[in-house]
């Protein structure tokens, strides 16, 4: 899918219009009066958002409060000097943002492993050794790229040598897509964005659009099932994006889900990051962070890891379900403290303890963290 960066637009927009400035690169061919379907990919700042029209990503300026995931219908009103589009219909009403947020929160509460399950479904469906694999997709190249990306995501290589592998994973999923676009937009350059690797979210968007327009290559046989598979994976990625915007604004925290295969079973390492918002506003270097890793492993069972980082000092508490597992983990803590010290990190308390009913405690932790303390979306 091609992506086009467009420079800032200085002229004001009216309330029901979107404006796109012509760029050196050619835009799709439009004509005045033409009706177009578009999808909102994300908001870049107060008035600028990223939309997809005819398989191209375009930056538009508008005062309309459109949100990521909305489908809109527009009419071409003018071509020069700006491409001007009049909004005719949108997929949701004025409460689209709160409804979408509530939907994402409910989905995560009901099934925390929804992302892992949808990615497992994609792996199985696209596996060429699977007799029922989707071999007749109209965009076979994209299907192959999705399969390769999924394999790289769940079986990452050289994670020890690459300290940024978690960030790379988030970018590959597409969780940082809108953020990356916004950064390039603010720099006034599209070079970095154009040269970056395409994310899973973008590939899914493209494949879904092609399936909706062209069918599945089998005369519509199984089309709804295929669409459901890809749309489900896309929605789970977008749910995580929506929740992180909400968590950051309301409680200064993030939820990162890192997919991986464990003994042939797809799961996620769920990482909650908490930022001390008051300290963050103060002196640089005094920021406080707390990171919680929630894992369920075949050999160790439920594991909870809490790391507290303040300035240059890092402490770590590991909770496990049995004395045997504690005795296995505990000797490694001294080596961990030594390696952190070699990196210039001061270590605080580093310990591993046994906690009864850790599985239940983990479930309660999830429900608590997926509840907002400052706003009730379902009141």
Protein backbone atom coordinates (compact mmCIF):
# COMPACT_ATOMS: atom_id res chain seq x y z
CA UNK A 1 0.00 0.00 0.00
CA UNK A 2 1.51 3.32 -1.03
CA UNK A 3 1.78 6.09 1.55
CA UNK A 4 1.88 9.76 0.59
CA UNK A 5 3.16 12.50 2.90
CA UNK A 6 1.61 15.87 2.28
CA UNK A 7 2.93 19.20 3.64
CA UNK A 8 0.95 21.34 6.10
CA UNK A 9 -2.10 23.19 4.83
CA UNK A 10 -2.48 26.76 6.02
CA UNK A 11 -5.93 27.66 4.74
CA UNK A 12 -8.86 27.08 7.12
CA UNK A 13 -11.36 24.30 6.52
CA UNK A 14 -15.11 24.56 6.88
CA UNK A 15 -16.98 22.29 9.25
CA UNK A 16 -18.00 19.46 6.91
CA UNK A 17 -15.03 19.42 4.55
CA UNK A 18 -11.66 17.70 4.28
CA UNK A 19 -8.78 19.32 2.41
CA UNK A 20 -5.76 17.61 0.89
CA UNK A 21 -2.85 19.53 -0.61
CA UNK A 22 -1.47 18.31 -3.93
CA UNK A 23 2.02 16.83 -3.71
CA UNK A 24 4.81 16.27 -6.21
CA UNK A 25 3.77 12.65 -6.45
CA UNK A 26 0.57 11.91 -8.38
CA UNK A 27 -2.67 11.41 -6.49
CA UNK A 28 -5.37 9.00 -7.63
CA UNK A 29 -7.42 10.44 -10.49
CA UNK A 30 -10.40 12.35 -9.12
CA UNK A 31 -13.12 14.41 -10.76
CA UNK A 32 -15.49 17.02 -9.35
CA UNK A 33 -18.72 15.43 -8.15
CA UNK A 34 -17.14 11.97 -7.78
CA UNK A 35 -18.31 9.94 -4.77
CA UNK A 36 -15.59 8.16 -2.78
CA UNK A 37 -15.38 5.72 0.11
CA UNK A 38 -12.60 6.35 2.63
CA UNK A 39 -11.36 4.90 5.90
CA UNK A 40 -9.91 6.94 8.75
CA UNK A 41 -6.60 5.36 9.82
CA UNK A 42 -5.72 7.74 12.64
CA UNK A 43 -5.41 11.32 13.84
CA UNK A 44 -2.02 13.04 13.53
CA UNK A 45 -2.81 16.19 15.53
CA UNK A 46 -5.72 18.53 16.27
CA UNK A 47 -6.86 19.02 12.65
CA UNK A 48 -4.83 16.57 10.59
CA UNK A 49 -5.66 12.91 10.12
CA UNK A 50 -4.59 10.01 7.94
CA UNK A 51 -7.21 8.59 5.59
CA UNK A 52 -7.13 5.83 2.98
CA UNK A 53 -8.78 6.46 -0.40
CA UNK A 54 -8.41 4.11 -3.37
CA UNK A 55 -5.57 2.19 -1.71
CA UNK A 56 -3.48 5.28 -0.93
CA UNK A 57 -2.81 6.90 2.44
CA UNK A 58 -3.40 10.65 2.38
CA UNK A 59 -3.01 13.35 5.03
CA UNK A 60 -6.10 15.55 5.24
CA UNK A 61 -6.99 18.62 7.27
CA UNK A 62 -10.49 18.88 8.74
CA UNK A 63 -12.40 20.21 11.72
CA UNK A 64 -14.67 17.13 11.70
CA UNK A 65 -14.04 15.00 14.85
CA UNK A 66 -13.39 11.77 12.93
CA UNK A 67 -11.83 8.83 14.74
CA UNK A 68 -9.60 5.92 13.69
CA UNK A 69 -11.59 3.05 12.23
CA UNK A 70 -14.48 5.14 10.89
CA UNK A 71 -15.61 4.61 7.29
CA UNK A 72 -16.76 7.79 5.53
CA UNK A 73 -18.39 8.68 2.23
CA UNK A 74 -17.28 11.92 0.57
CA UNK A 75 -17.91 13.91 -2.60
CA UNK A 76 -15.14 15.68 -4.52
CA UNK A 77 -15.98 19.40 -4.45
CA UNK A 78 -12.79 20.91 -5.86
CA UNK A 79 -9.40 19.91 -7.25
CA UNK A 80 -7.27 23.07 -7.24
CA UNK A 81 -5.39 24.40 -5.41
CA UNK A 82 -6.60 21.92 -2.77
CA UNK A 83 -8.38 18.62 -3.19
CA UNK A 84 -11.59 19.41 -1.26
CA UNK A 85 -13.93 16.66 -0.11
CA UNK A 86 -17.41 17.13 1.36
CA UNK A 87 -18.43 14.65 4.04
CA UNK A 88 -21.72 12.92 3.18
CA UNK A 89 -21.89 9.97 5.60
CA UNK A 90 -19.86 8.47 8.42
CA UNK A 91 -20.01 5.06 10.00
CA UNK A 92 -21.01 6.27 13.46
CA UNK A 93 -22.68 9.20 15.16
CA UNK A 94 -21.32 11.85 17.48
CA UNK A 95 -20.56 9.30 20.21
CA UNK A 96 -18.28 7.26 17.93
CA UNK A 97 -15.19 7.82 20.08
CA UNK A 98 -16.75 6.78 23.39
CA UNK A 99 -18.59 3.84 21.78
CA UNK A 100 -15.37 2.58 20.15
CA UNK A 101 -13.47 2.92 23.43
CA UNK A 102 -16.17 1.07 25.35
CA UNK A 103 -16.16 -1.71 22.76
CA UNK A 104 -12.38 -2.12 23.02
CA UNK A 105 -12.49 -2.20 26.81
CA UNK A 106 -15.30 -4.76 26.89
CA UNK A 107 -13.48 -6.94 24.37
CA UNK A 108 -10.26 -6.96 26.39
CA UNK A 109 -12.11 -7.70 29.63
CA UNK A 110 -13.96 -10.61 28.05
CA UNK A 111 -10.92 -12.13 26.30
CA UNK A 112 -7.44 -10.82 27.24
CA UNK A 113 -5.89 -13.30 24.76
CA UNK A 114 -7.98 -12.13 21.79
CA UNK A 115 -4.91 -10.81 19.94
CA UNK A 116 -2.98 -14.05 20.43
CA UNK A 117 -5.93 -16.16 19.26
CA UNK A 118 -6.52 -14.09 16.14
CA UNK A 119 -2.83 -14.24 15.18
CA UNK A 120 -2.85 -18.01 15.75
CA UNK A 121 -5.84 -18.23 13.42
CA UNK A 122 -3.97 -16.28 10.74
CA UNK A 123 -0.90 -18.50 11.05
CA UNK A 124 -2.97 -21.62 10.62
CA UNK A 125 -5.02 -20.25 7.72
CA UNK A 126 -1.99 -18.98 5.78
CA UNK A 127 0.30 -21.95 6.45
CA UNK A 128 1.04 -23.48 2.98
CA UNK A 129 1.32 -26.94 4.59
CA UNK A 130 -2.23 -26.67 5.89
CA UNK A 131 -4.63 -28.52 3.51
CA UNK A 132 -7.23 -25.81 4.09
CA UNK A 133 -4.83 -22.90 3.60
CA UNK A 134 -6.06 -19.76 1.84
CA UNK A 135 -4.30 -20.32 -1.47
CA UNK A 136 -6.67 -18.37 -3.68
CA UNK A 137 -6.44 -14.90 -2.16
CA UNK A 138 -6.31 -12.18 -4.84
CA UNK A 139 -3.28 -10.56 -3.20
CA UNK A 140 -1.01 -13.56 -2.74
CA UNK A 141 2.03 -11.33 -2.19
CA UNK A 142 0.41 -9.63 0.79
CA UNK A 143 -0.76 -12.96 2.19
CA UNK A 144 2.83 -14.26 2.00
CA UNK A 145 4.15 -11.12 3.67
CA UNK A 146 1.58 -11.47 6.45
CA UNK A 147 2.66 -15.08 7.05
CA UNK A 148 6.36 -14.16 7.13
CA UNK A 149 5.69 -11.23 9.47
CA UNK A 150 3.67 -13.42 11.83
CA UNK A 151 6.46 -16.00 11.94
CA UNK A 152 9.03 -13.30 12.71
CA UNK A 153 6.77 -11.86 15.41
CA UNK A 154 6.09 -15.06 17.34
CA UNK A 155 9.56 -16.58 16.85
CA UNK A 156 11.84 -13.52 17.15
CA UNK A 157 15.57 -14.00 16.62
CA UNK A 158 18.50 -12.39 18.43
CA UNK A 159 16.34 -10.80 21.13
CA UNK A 160 19.29 -10.80 23.54
CA UNK A 161 21.48 -8.84 21.11
CA UNK A 162 18.67 -6.43 20.16
CA UNK A 163 17.63 -4.30 23.17
CA UNK A 164 14.84 -2.69 21.11
CA UNK A 165 13.17 -5.92 20.01
CA UNK A 166 9.99 -5.14 21.96
CA UNK A 167 9.68 -1.78 20.19
CA UNK A 168 10.33 -3.51 16.87
CA UNK A 169 7.55 -5.97 17.69
CA UNK A 170 5.10 -3.16 18.43
CA UNK A 171 6.01 -1.47 15.14
CA UNK A 172 5.62 -4.72 13.21
CA UNK A 173 2.12 -5.21 14.64
CA UNK A 174 1.20 -1.65 13.62
CA UNK A 175 0.61 -0.35 17.15
CA UNK A 176 2.97 2.59 16.48
CA UNK A 177 1.76 3.31 12.93
CA UNK A 178 -0.06 6.59 13.61
CA UNK A 179 2.63 7.69 16.05
CA UNK A 180 5.37 7.14 13.46
CA UNK A 181 3.40 9.04 10.83
CA UNK A 182 2.83 11.95 13.21
CA UNK A 183 6.54 12.19 14.05
CA UNK A 184 7.52 12.30 10.38
CA UNK A 185 4.76 14.81 9.70
CA UNK A 186 6.03 17.09 12.47
CA UNK A 187 9.56 16.84 11.09
CA UNK A 188 8.28 17.97 7.70
CA UNK A 189 9.81 14.93 5.98
CA UNK A 190 8.42 11.63 4.78
CA UNK A 191 11.77 9.91 4.15
CA UNK A 192 11.81 7.89 7.37
CA UNK A 193 8.20 6.82 7.01
CA UNK A 194 8.57 5.82 3.37
CA UNK A 195 11.66 3.70 4.09
CA UNK A 196 10.29 1.89 7.16
CA UNK A 197 8.98 -1.67 7.02
CA UNK A 198 5.25 -2.07 6.36
CA UNK A 199 3.33 -3.22 9.44
CA UNK A 200 0.89 -6.08 9.88
CA UNK A 201 -1.93 -3.59 10.38
CA UNK A 202 -1.27 -1.99 6.99
CA UNK A 203 -1.10 -5.35 5.22
CA UNK A 204 -4.40 -6.39 6.81
CA UNK A 205 -6.05 -3.10 5.80
CA UNK A 206 -4.95 -3.60 2.21
CA UNK A 207 -6.00 -7.25 2.03
CA UNK A 208 -9.43 -6.55 3.55
CA UNK A 209 -10.05 -3.72 1.09
CA UNK A 210 -9.11 -5.92 -1.88
CA UNK A 211 -11.32 -8.77 -0.66
CA UNK A 212 -14.26 -6.39 -0.22
CA UNK A 213 -13.81 -5.00 -3.75
CA UNK A 214 -12.66 -8.02 -5.77
CA UNK A 215 -13.86 -11.05 -3.84
CA UNK A 216 -11.69 -13.99 -2.81
CA UNK A 217 -10.76 -15.43 -6.20
CA UNK A 218 -13.20 -18.31 -5.79
CA UNK A 219 -16.35 -16.58 -6.91
CA UNK A 220 -17.23 -15.59 -3.35
CA UNK A 221 -16.78 -19.07 -1.87
CA UNK A 222 -15.90 -18.66 1.81
CA UNK A 223 -15.48 -14.90 1.41
CA UNK A 224 -17.26 -13.99 4.66
CA UNK A 225 -15.11 -16.45 6.61
CA UNK A 226 -11.90 -15.02 5.17
CA UNK A 227 -12.99 -11.46 5.77
CA UNK A 228 -13.94 -12.31 9.33
CA UNK A 229 -10.48 -13.78 9.95
CA UNK A 230 -8.57 -10.74 8.73
CA UNK A 231 -11.01 -8.18 10.14
CA UNK A 232 -10.84 -9.88 13.54
CA UNK A 233 -7.04 -9.61 13.67
CA UNK A 234 -7.18 -5.97 12.54
CA UNK A 235 -9.80 -5.12 15.15
CA UNK A 236 -7.76 -6.68 17.95
CA UNK A 237 -4.73 -4.59 16.98
CA UNK A 238 -6.88 -1.45 16.87
CA UNK A 239 -8.50 -2.36 20.22
CA UNK A 240 -5.06 -2.34 21.82
CA UNK A 241 -4.30 1.04 20.25
CA UNK A 242 -7.59 2.53 21.50
CA UNK A 243 -7.03 1.21 25.02
CA UNK A 244 -3.52 2.62 25.20
CA UNK A 245 -4.73 6.09 24.23
CA UNK A 246 -7.35 5.85 26.97
CA UNK A 247 -4.97 4.42 29.59
CA UNK A 248 -2.34 7.07 28.86
CA UNK A 249 -4.81 9.94 29.12
CA UNK A 250 -6.63 8.69 32.20
CA UNK A 251 -4.07 6.85 34.30
CA UNK A 252 -0.61 7.34 32.80
CA UNK A 253 -0.12 3.68 31.92
CA UNK A 254 0.30 1.47 28.87
CA UNK A 255 -0.59 -2.12 28.04
CA UNK A 256 1.77 -3.87 25.64
CA UNK A 257 0.96 -7.36 24.36
CA UNK A 258 3.91 -9.23 22.85
CA UNK A 259 2.79 -12.39 20.97
CA UNK A 260 4.94 -15.51 21.00
CA UNK A 261 4.68 -19.27 20.54
CA UNK A 262 5.12 -21.35 23.69
CA UNK A 263 5.31 -25.14 23.16
CA UNK A 264 3.18 -24.76 20.04
CA UNK A 265 0.60 -22.59 21.81
CA UNK A 266 0.13 -18.94 20.89
CA UNK A 267 0.05 -16.58 23.85
CA UNK A 268 1.16 -13.08 24.77
CA UNK A 269 3.50 -11.56 27.31
CA UNK A 270 1.40 -8.76 28.76
CA UNK A 271 3.41 -5.78 29.95
CA UNK A 272 1.81 -2.96 31.95
CA UNK A 273 3.92 0.21 32.11
CA UNK A 274 3.05 2.86 34.70
CA UNK A 275 4.48 6.37 34.54
CA UNK A 276 4.67 8.63 37.57
CA UNK A 277 2.87 11.56 35.94
CA UNK A 278 3.73 14.06 38.68
CA UNK A 279 7.44 13.21 38.59
CA UNK A 280 7.35 13.22 34.78
CA UNK A 281 6.45 16.92 34.86
CA UNK A 282 9.37 17.74 37.15
CA UNK A 283 13.12 17.47 36.92
CA UNK A 284 14.52 15.24 34.20
CA UNK A 285 16.04 12.08 35.66
CA UNK A 286 13.58 11.90 38.55
CA UNK A 287 10.89 10.11 36.55
CA UNK A 288 9.36 7.04 38.13
CA UNK A 289 8.28 3.94 36.22
CA UNK A 290 6.74 0.66 37.27
CA UNK A 291 6.58 -2.24 34.82
CA UNK A 292 4.52 -5.39 35.45
CA UNK A 293 5.01 -8.51 33.34
CA UNK A 294 2.14 -11.02 33.45
CA UNK A 295 3.07 -14.42 32.02
CA UNK A 296 1.74 -17.96 31.97
CA UNK A 297 4.43 -20.48 31.06
CA UNK A 298 4.17 -24.22 30.54
CA UNK A 299 7.03 -25.04 32.92
CA UNK A 300 6.62 -22.27 35.50
CA UNK A 301 2.88 -21.67 35.38
CA UNK A 302 1.77 -18.14 36.30
CA UNK A 303 4.56 -15.64 36.83
CA UNK A 304 4.23 -11.98 37.83
CA UNK A 305 7.27 -9.71 37.60
CA UNK A 306 7.22 -6.16 38.98
CA UNK A 307 10.12 -3.84 38.21
CA UNK A 308 10.36 -0.35 39.70
CA UNK A 309 12.66 2.17 38.09
CA UNK A 310 13.40 5.56 39.62
CA UNK A 311 16.25 7.63 38.27
CA UNK A 312 19.15 5.18 37.93
CA UNK A 313 17.86 2.66 40.50
CA UNK A 314 15.98 -0.49 39.57
CA UNK A 315 14.29 -3.00 41.87
CA UNK A 316 12.59 -6.25 40.91
CA UNK A 317 10.04 -8.55 42.58
CA UNK A 318 9.17 -11.92 40.99
CA UNK A 319 6.13 -13.84 42.22
CA UNK A 320 5.70 -17.52 41.38
CA UNK A 321 3.44 -20.37 42.47
CA UNK A 322 5.73 -22.85 44.26
CA UNK A 323 8.86 -23.19 46.37
CA UNK A 324 10.52 -25.31 43.66
CA UNK A 325 10.14 -22.57 41.06
CA UNK A 326 11.36 -19.93 43.52
CA UNK A 327 14.47 -22.01 44.29
CA UNK A 328 15.12 -22.34 40.56
CA UNK A 329 14.81 -18.60 39.86
CA UNK A 330 16.44 -17.13 42.97
CA UNK A 331 20.11 -17.97 42.17
CA UNK A 332 19.83 -16.06 38.87
CA UNK A 333 18.96 -12.76 40.57
CA UNK A 334 22.53 -12.07 41.69
CA UNK A 335 23.75 -12.49 38.11
CA UNK A 336 20.98 -10.19 36.87
CA UNK A 337 22.00 -7.51 39.41
CA UNK A 338 25.64 -7.87 38.32
CA UNK A 339 24.80 -7.44 34.63
CA UNK A 340 22.62 -4.40 35.37
CA UNK A 341 25.46 -2.90 37.41
CA UNK A 342 27.79 -3.32 34.44
CA UNK A 343 25.35 -1.16 32.48
CA UNK A 344 25.51 1.58 35.12
CA UNK A 345 22.17 0.72 36.73
CA UNK A 346 21.94 0.79 40.51
CA UNK A 347 19.97 -2.20 41.77
CA UNK A 348 17.55 -2.12 44.66
CA UNK A 349 15.84 -5.15 46.15
CA UNK A 350 15.90 -8.16 43.80
CA UNK A 351 13.82 -11.03 45.14
CA UNK A 352 11.57 -13.95 44.21
CA UNK A 353 8.68 -15.00 46.46
CA UNK A 354 5.95 -17.65 46.47
CA UNK A 355 2.36 -16.43 46.26
CA UNK A 356 -0.55 -18.78 46.76
CA UNK A 357 -3.39 -18.69 44.23
CA UNK A 358 -1.24 -16.67 41.84
CA UNK A 359 -3.51 -17.61 38.92
CA UNK A 360 -6.50 -16.05 40.65
CA UNK A 361 -4.42 -13.03 41.68
CA UNK A 362 -3.37 -12.61 38.05
CA UNK A 363 -7.00 -12.65 36.89
CA UNK A 364 -7.95 -10.10 39.56
CA UNK A 365 -5.01 -7.96 38.49
CA UNK A 366 -6.27 -7.97 34.89
CA UNK A 367 -9.80 -6.99 35.89
CA UNK A 368 -8.50 -4.22 38.11
CA UNK A 369 -6.17 -2.81 35.49
CA UNK A 370 -8.86 -2.95 32.80
CA UNK A 371 -11.16 -0.86 34.98
CA UNK A 372 -10.83 2.91 34.86
CA UNK A 373 -10.72 4.73 38.17
CA UNK A 374 -11.44 8.18 36.76
CA UNK A 375 -14.23 7.50 34.28
CA UNK A 376 -16.92 4.86 33.97
CA UNK A 377 -17.70 4.27 30.31
CA UNK A 378 -20.74 2.15 31.10
CA UNK A 379 -22.45 4.39 33.66
